PDB file of all heavy atoms in Angstrom:
ATOM      1  N   MET A   1     -12.483 -37.910  10.177  1.00  0.00           N
ATOM      2  CA  MET A   1     -12.692 -36.966   9.088  1.00  0.00           C
ATOM      3  C   MET A   1     -13.388 -37.629   7.894  1.00  0.00           C
ATOM      4  O   MET A   1     -14.183 -36.985   7.198  1.00  0.00           O
ATOM      5  CB  MET A   1     -11.367 -36.334   8.658  1.00  0.00           C
ATOM      6  CG  MET A   1     -10.748 -35.427   9.714  1.00  0.00           C
ATOM      7  SD  MET A   1     -11.901 -34.231  10.452  1.00  0.00           S
ATOM      8  CE  MET A   1     -12.465 -33.322   9.008  1.00  0.00           C
ATOM      9  N   GLN A   2     -13.131 -38.928   7.675  1.00  0.00           N
ATOM     10  CA  GLN A   2     -13.848 -39.632   6.610  1.00  0.00           C
ATOM     11  C   GLN A   2     -15.338 -39.706   6.933  1.00  0.00           C
ATOM     12  O   GLN A   2     -16.193 -39.507   6.057  1.00  0.00           O
ATOM     13  CB  GLN A   2     -13.304 -41.053   6.415  1.00  0.00           C
ATOM     14  CG  GLN A   2     -11.902 -41.095   5.822  1.00  0.00           C
ATOM     15  CD  GLN A   2     -10.804 -41.138   6.874  1.00  0.00           C
ATOM     16  OE1 GLN A   2     -10.810 -40.309   7.798  1.00  0.00           O
ATOM     17  NE2 GLN A   2      -9.882 -42.072   6.745  1.00  0.00           N
ATOM     18  N   ALA A   3     -15.642 -39.973   8.231  1.00  0.00           N
ATOM     19  CA  ALA A   3     -17.043 -40.061   8.640  1.00  0.00           C
ATOM     20  C   ALA A   3     -17.729 -38.702   8.535  1.00  0.00           C
ATOM     21  O   ALA A   3     -18.896 -38.609   8.144  1.00  0.00           O
ATOM     22  CB  ALA A   3     -17.131 -40.587  10.074  1.00  0.00           C
ATOM     23  N   ILE A   4     -16.993 -37.639   8.851  1.00  0.00           N
ATOM     24  CA  ILE A   4     -17.568 -36.290   8.764  1.00  0.00           C
ATOM     25  C   ILE A   4     -17.764 -35.882   7.310  1.00  0.00           C
ATOM     26  O   ILE A   4     -18.756 -35.229   6.959  1.00  0.00           O
ATOM     27  CB  ILE A   4     -16.652 -35.288   9.505  1.00  0.00           C
ATOM     28  CG1 ILE A   4     -16.734 -35.537  11.026  1.00  0.00           C
ATOM     29  CG2 ILE A   4     -17.025 -33.847   9.169  1.00  0.00           C
ATOM     30  CD1 ILE A   4     -15.778 -34.702  11.852  1.00  0.00           C
ATOM     31  N   ALA A   5     -16.838 -36.289   6.452  1.00  0.00           N
ATOM     32  CA  ALA A   5     -16.907 -35.915   5.033  1.00  0.00           C
ATOM     33  C   ALA A   5     -18.151 -36.470   4.347  1.00  0.00           C
ATOM     34  O   ALA A   5     -18.649 -35.880   3.378  1.00  0.00           O
ATOM     35  CB  ALA A   5     -15.650 -36.390   4.304  1.00  0.00           C
ATOM     36  N   THR A   6     -18.660 -37.587   4.863  1.00  0.00           N
ATOM     37  CA  THR A   6     -19.849 -38.204   4.244  1.00  0.00           C
ATOM     38  C   THR A   6     -21.142 -37.703   4.869  1.00  0.00           C
ATOM     39  O   THR A   6     -22.227 -38.104   4.436  1.00  0.00           O
ATOM     40  CB  THR A   6     -19.794 -39.732   4.396  1.00  0.00           C
ATOM     41  OG1 THR A   6     -19.833 -40.076   5.789  1.00  0.00           O
ATOM     42  CG2 THR A   6     -18.524 -40.305   3.764  1.00  0.00           C
ATOM     43  N   ALA A   7     -21.060 -36.844   5.878  1.00  0.00           N
ATOM     44  CA  ALA A   7     -22.239 -36.434   6.644  1.00  0.00           C
ATOM     45  C   ALA A   7     -22.764 -35.068   6.212  1.00  0.00           C
ATOM     46  O   ALA A   7     -22.040 -34.239   5.666  1.00  0.00           O
ATOM     47  CB  ALA A   7     -21.905 -36.401   8.127  1.00  0.00           C
ATOM     48  N   ASP A   8     -24.067 -34.874   6.473  1.00  0.00           N
ATOM     49  CA  ASP A   8     -24.689 -33.555   6.324  1.00  0.00           C
ATOM     50  C   ASP A   8     -24.741 -32.835   7.669  1.00  0.00           C
ATOM     51  O   ASP A   8     -24.801 -31.599   7.719  1.00  0.00           O
ATOM     52  CB  ASP A   8     -26.127 -33.694   5.808  1.00  0.00           C
ATOM     53  CG  ASP A   8     -26.204 -34.493   4.532  1.00  0.00           C
ATOM     54  OD1 ASP A   8     -25.543 -34.091   3.551  1.00  0.00           O
ATOM     55  OD2 ASP A   8     -26.903 -35.538   4.515  1.00  0.00           O
ATOM     56  N   LEU A   9     -24.735 -33.618   8.732  1.00  0.00           N
ATOM     57  CA  LEU A   9     -24.914 -33.088  10.081  1.00  0.00           C
ATOM     58  C   LEU A   9     -23.994 -33.855  11.032  1.00  0.00           C
ATOM     59  O   LEU A   9     -23.952 -35.085  11.002  1.00  0.00           O
ATOM     60  CB  LEU A   9     -26.381 -33.263  10.514  1.00  0.00           C
ATOM     61  CG  LEU A   9     -26.764 -33.025  11.970  1.00  0.00           C
ATOM     62  CD1 LEU A   9     -26.478 -31.583  12.384  1.00  0.00           C
ATOM     63  CD2 LEU A   9     -28.254 -33.355  12.169  1.00  0.00           C
ATOM     64  N   VAL A  10     -23.251 -33.136  11.860  1.00  0.00           N
ATOM     65  CA  VAL A  10     -22.310 -33.763  12.798  1.00  0.00           C
ATOM     66  C   VAL A  10     -22.577 -33.239  14.210  1.00  0.00           C
ATOM     67  O   VAL A  10     -22.654 -32.024  14.427  1.00  0.00           O
ATOM     68  CB  VAL A  10     -20.845 -33.470  12.413  1.00  0.00           C
ATOM     69  CG1 VAL A  10     -19.886 -34.056  13.457  1.00  0.00           C
ATOM     70  CG2 VAL A  10     -20.538 -34.029  11.029  1.00  0.00           C
ATOM     71  N   PHE A  11     -22.719 -34.171  15.152  1.00  0.00           N
ATOM     72  CA  PHE A  11     -22.788 -33.827  16.574  1.00  0.00           C
ATOM     73  C   PHE A  11     -21.488 -34.291  17.235  1.00  0.00           C
ATOM     74  O   PHE A  11     -20.999 -35.388  16.931  1.00  0.00           O
ATOM     75  CB  PHE A  11     -23.946 -34.547  17.270  1.00  0.00           C
ATOM     76  CG  PHE A  11     -25.311 -34.120  16.813  1.00  0.00           C
ATOM     77  CD1 PHE A  11     -25.962 -34.802  15.792  1.00  0.00           C
ATOM     78  CD2 PHE A  11     -25.958 -33.056  17.418  1.00  0.00           C
ATOM     79  CE1 PHE A  11     -27.231 -34.426  15.380  1.00  0.00           C
ATOM     80  CE2 PHE A  11     -27.226 -32.661  17.010  1.00  0.00           C
ATOM     81  CZ  PHE A  11     -27.869 -33.352  15.991  1.00  0.00           C
ATOM     82  N   THR A  12     -20.944 -33.492  18.130  1.00  0.00           N
ATOM     83  CA  THR A  12     -19.779 -33.933  18.894  1.00  0.00           C
ATOM     84  C   THR A  12     -20.115 -33.938  20.377  1.00  0.00           C
ATOM     85  O   THR A  12     -20.692 -32.987  20.904  1.00  0.00           O
ATOM     86  CB  THR A  12     -18.560 -33.022  18.650  1.00  0.00           C
ATOM     87  OG1 THR A  12     -18.885 -31.678  19.010  1.00  0.00           O
ATOM     88  CG2 THR A  12     -18.122 -33.072  17.200  1.00  0.00           C
ATOM     89  N   SER A  13     -19.739 -35.030  21.030  1.00  0.00           N
ATOM     90  CA  SER A  13     -20.017 -35.181  22.463  1.00  0.00           C
ATOM     91  C   SER A  13     -18.956 -36.089  23.063  1.00  0.00           C
ATOM     92  O   SER A  13     -19.187 -37.266  23.320  1.00  0.00           O
ATOM     93  CB  SER A  13     -21.413 -35.774  22.672  1.00  0.00           C
ATOM     94  OG  SER A  13     -21.650 -36.023  24.036  1.00  0.00           O
ATOM     95  N   THR A  14     -17.766 -35.551  23.268  1.00  0.00           N
ATOM     96  CA  THR A  14     -16.674 -36.340  23.839  1.00  0.00           C
ATOM     97  C   THR A  14     -16.105 -35.620  25.060  1.00  0.00           C
ATOM     98  O   THR A  14     -16.418 -34.464  25.306  1.00  0.00           O
ATOM     99  CB  THR A  14     -15.525 -36.547  22.822  1.00  0.00           C
ATOM    100  OG1 THR A  14     -14.708 -35.376  22.791  1.00  0.00           O
ATOM    101  CG2 THR A  14     -16.052 -36.861  21.440  1.00  0.00           C
ATOM    102  N   GLY A  15     -15.245 -36.316  25.768  1.00  0.00           N
ATOM    103  CA  GLY A  15     -14.604 -35.739  26.947  1.00  0.00           C
ATOM    104  C   GLY A  15     -13.270 -35.081  26.642  1.00  0.00           C
ATOM    105  O   GLY A  15     -12.506 -34.782  27.565  1.00  0.00           O
ATOM    106  N   ALA A  16     -12.990 -34.833  25.371  1.00  0.00           N
ATOM    107  CA  ALA A  16     -11.711 -34.213  24.987  1.00  0.00           C
ATOM    108  C   ALA A  16     -11.578 -32.835  25.621  1.00  0.00           C
ATOM    109  O   ALA A  16     -12.544 -32.079  25.706  1.00  0.00           O
ATOM    110  CB  ALA A  16     -11.616 -34.101  23.471  1.00  0.00           C
ATOM    111  N   THR A  17     -10.376 -32.509  26.055  1.00  0.00           N
ATOM    112  CA  THR A  17     -10.140 -31.214  26.706  1.00  0.00           C
ATOM    113  C   THR A  17      -9.673 -30.142  25.729  1.00  0.00           C
ATOM    114  O   THR A  17      -9.574 -28.975  26.093  1.00  0.00           O
ATOM    115  CB  THR A  17      -9.096 -31.366  27.830  1.00  0.00           C
ATOM    116  OG1 THR A  17      -7.889 -31.903  27.279  1.00  0.00           O
ATOM    117  CG2 THR A  17      -9.606 -32.301  28.919  1.00  0.00           C
ATOM    118  N   GLN A  18      -9.382 -30.543  24.488  1.00  0.00           N
ATOM    119  CA  GLN A  18      -8.990 -29.607  23.430  1.00  0.00           C
ATOM    120  C   GLN A  18      -9.862 -29.875  22.204  1.00  0.00           C
ATOM    121  O   GLN A  18     -10.364 -30.983  22.025  1.00  0.00           O
ATOM    122  CB  GLN A  18      -7.508 -29.787  23.056  1.00  0.00           C
ATOM    123  CG  GLN A  18      -6.539 -29.519  24.196  1.00  0.00           C
ATOM    124  CD  GLN A  18      -6.506 -28.053  24.579  1.00  0.00           C
ATOM    125  OE1 GLN A  18      -6.709 -27.172  23.743  1.00  0.00           O
ATOM    126  NE2 GLN A  18      -6.264 -27.772  25.860  1.00  0.00           N
ATOM    127  N   PRO A  19     -10.066 -28.870  21.329  1.00  0.00           N
ATOM    128  CA  PRO A  19     -10.868 -29.109  20.129  1.00  0.00           C
ATOM    129  C   PRO A  19     -10.304 -30.253  19.288  1.00  0.00           C
ATOM    130  O   PRO A  19      -9.095 -30.361  19.090  1.00  0.00           O
ATOM    131  CB  PRO A  19     -10.769 -27.768  19.374  1.00  0.00           C
ATOM    132  CG  PRO A  19     -10.511 -26.759  20.437  1.00  0.00           C
ATOM    133  CD  PRO A  19      -9.642 -27.454  21.456  1.00  0.00           C
ATOM    134  N   ILE A  20     -11.197 -31.102  18.804  1.00  0.00           N
ATOM    135  CA  ILE A  20     -10.780 -32.226  17.945  1.00  0.00           C
ATOM    136  C   ILE A  20     -11.104 -31.936  16.478  1.00  0.00           C
ATOM    137  O   ILE A  20     -10.755 -32.705  15.590  1.00  0.00           O
ATOM    138  CB  ILE A  20     -11.450 -33.541  18.381  1.00  0.00           C
ATOM    139  CG1 ILE A  20     -12.986 -33.409  18.332  1.00  0.00           C
ATOM    140  CG2 ILE A  20     -10.997 -33.947  19.775  1.00  0.00           C
ATOM    141  CD1 ILE A  20     -13.722 -34.714  18.632  1.00  0.00           C
ATOM    142  N   LEU A  21     -11.783 -30.804  16.236  1.00  0.00           N
ATOM    143  CA  LEU A  21     -12.162 -30.430  14.879  1.00  0.00           C
ATOM    144  C   LEU A  21     -11.974 -28.922  14.720  1.00  0.00           C
ATOM    145  O   LEU A  21     -12.425 -28.138  15.557  1.00  0.00           O
ATOM    146  CB  LEU A  21     -13.637 -30.814  14.642  1.00  0.00           C
ATOM    147  CG  LEU A  21     -14.186 -30.697  13.214  1.00  0.00           C
ATOM    148  CD1 LEU A  21     -13.406 -31.592  12.268  1.00  0.00           C
ATOM    149  CD2 LEU A  21     -15.667 -31.054  13.198  1.00  0.00           C
ATOM    150  N   ASP A  22     -11.293 -28.530  13.656  1.00  0.00           N
ATOM    151  CA  ASP A  22     -11.079 -27.099  13.408  1.00  0.00           C
ATOM    152  C   ASP A  22     -11.115 -26.800  11.907  1.00  0.00           C
ATOM    153  O   ASP A  22     -11.326 -27.698  11.081  1.00  0.00           O
ATOM    154  CB  ASP A  22      -9.762 -26.626  14.025  1.00  0.00           C
ATOM    155  CG  ASP A  22      -8.556 -27.398  13.514  1.00  0.00           C
ATOM    156  OD1 ASP A  22      -8.659 -28.025  12.428  1.00  0.00           O
ATOM    157  OD2 ASP A  22      -7.506 -27.384  14.185  1.00  0.00           O
ATOM    158  N   ARG A  23     -10.899 -25.549  11.570  1.00  0.00           N
ATOM    159  CA  ARG A  23     -10.976 -25.120  10.177  1.00  0.00           C
ATOM    160  C   ARG A  23      -9.987 -25.872   9.288  1.00  0.00           C
ATOM    161  O   ARG A  23     -10.335 -26.318   8.191  1.00  0.00           O
ATOM    162  CB  ARG A  23     -10.710 -23.616  10.110  1.00  0.00           C
ATOM    163  CG  ARG A  23     -10.642 -23.077   8.689  1.00  0.00           C
ATOM    164  CD  ARG A  23     -10.324 -21.590   8.666  1.00  0.00           C
ATOM    165  NE  ARG A  23     -10.165 -21.116   7.306  1.00  0.00           N
ATOM    166  CZ  ARG A  23      -9.961 -19.849   6.955  1.00  0.00           C
ATOM    167  NH1 ARG A  23      -9.852 -18.930   7.911  1.00  0.00           N
ATOM    168  NH2 ARG A  23      -9.827 -19.503   5.683  1.00  0.00           N
ATOM    169  N   ALA A  24      -8.759 -26.030   9.778  1.00  0.00           N
ATOM    170  CA  ALA A  24      -7.725 -26.667   8.961  1.00  0.00           C
ATOM    171  C   ALA A  24      -8.120 -28.094   8.580  1.00  0.00           C
ATOM    172  O   ALA A  24      -7.947 -28.511   7.421  1.00  0.00           O
ATOM    173  CB  ALA A  24      -6.402 -26.663   9.711  1.00  0.00           C
ATOM    174  N   LYS A  25      -8.660 -28.846   9.539  1.00  0.00           N
ATOM    175  CA  LYS A  25      -9.059 -30.237   9.251  1.00  0.00           C
ATOM    176  C   LYS A  25     -10.207 -30.273   8.251  1.00  0.00           C
ATOM    177  O   LYS A  25     -10.241 -31.125   7.359  1.00  0.00           O
ATOM    178  CB  LYS A  25      -9.463 -30.941  10.543  1.00  0.00           C
ATOM    179  CG  LYS A  25      -8.288 -31.313  11.437  1.00  0.00           C
ATOM    180  CD  LYS A  25      -8.755 -32.082  12.664  1.00  0.00           C
ATOM    181  CE  LYS A  25      -7.562 -32.477  13.528  1.00  0.00           C
ATOM    182  NZ  LYS A  25      -7.986 -33.189  14.766  1.00  0.00           N
ATOM    183  N   LEU A  26     -11.166 -29.357   8.404  1.00  0.00           N
ATOM    184  CA  LEU A  26     -12.291 -29.329   7.469  1.00  0.00           C
ATOM    185  C   LEU A  26     -11.821 -29.007   6.067  1.00  0.00           C
ATOM    186  O   LEU A  26     -12.220 -29.659   5.085  1.00  0.00           O
ATOM    187  CB  LEU A  26     -13.332 -28.304   7.928  1.00  0.00           C
ATOM    188  CG  LEU A  26     -14.134 -28.644   9.195  1.00  0.00           C
ATOM    189  CD1 LEU A  26     -15.080 -27.498   9.535  1.00  0.00           C
ATOM    190  CD2 LEU A  26     -14.919 -29.933   9.006  1.00  0.00           C
ATOM    191  N   GLU A  27     -10.965 -28.008   5.952  1.00  0.00           N
ATOM    192  CA  GLU A  27     -10.504 -27.606   4.616  1.00  0.00           C
ATOM    193  C   GLU A  27      -9.638 -28.684   3.979  1.00  0.00           C
ATOM    194  O   GLU A  27      -9.608 -28.813   2.751  1.00  0.00           O
ATOM    195  CB  GLU A  27      -9.739 -26.285   4.715  1.00  0.00           C
ATOM    196  CG  GLU A  27     -10.646 -25.111   5.049  1.00  0.00           C
ATOM    197  CD  GLU A  27      -9.906 -23.787   5.169  1.00  0.00           C
ATOM    198  OE1 GLU A  27      -8.680 -23.809   5.416  1.00  0.00           O
ATOM    199  OE2 GLU A  27     -10.560 -22.747   5.004  1.00  0.00           O
ATOM    200  N   GLU A  28      -8.966 -29.477   4.806  1.00  0.00           N
ATOM    201  CA  GLU A  28      -8.115 -30.540   4.267  1.00  0.00           C
ATOM    202  C   GLU A  28      -8.929 -31.728   3.758  1.00  0.00           C
ATOM    203  O   GLU A  28      -8.567 -32.354   2.761  1.00  0.00           O
ATOM    204  CB  GLU A  28      -7.146 -31.007   5.351  1.00  0.00           C
ATOM    205  CG  GLU A  28      -6.192 -32.106   4.888  1.00  0.00           C
ATOM    206  CD  GLU A  28      -5.281 -32.593   6.014  1.00  0.00           C
ATOM    207  OE1 GLU A  28      -5.273 -31.955   7.098  1.00  0.00           O
ATOM    208  OE2 GLU A  28      -4.590 -33.614   5.805  1.00  0.00           O
ATOM    209  N   HIS A  29     -10.039 -32.016   4.435  1.00  0.00           N
ATOM    210  CA  HIS A  29     -10.758 -33.264   4.130  1.00  0.00           C
ATOM    211  C   HIS A  29     -12.089 -33.072   3.410  1.00  0.00           C
ATOM    212  O   HIS A  29     -12.638 -34.041   2.881  1.00  0.00           O
ATOM    213  CB  HIS A  29     -11.007 -34.043   5.422  1.00  0.00           C
ATOM    214  CG  HIS A  29      -9.766 -34.602   6.038  1.00  0.00           C
ATOM    215  ND1 HIS A  29      -9.004 -33.907   6.944  1.00  0.00           N
ATOM    216  CD2 HIS A  29      -9.138 -35.795   5.853  1.00  0.00           C
ATOM    217  CE1 HIS A  29      -7.971 -34.647   7.308  1.00  0.00           C
ATOM    218  NE2 HIS A  29      -8.024 -35.797   6.668  1.00  0.00           N
TER     219      HIS A  29
END
């Protein structure tokens, strides 16, 4: 979230089976 907070553009490409980023995390950080 620190890395995303400093970015203008974020790409996600992982093998996670559940979302790793959602509204709550964005609003918190």
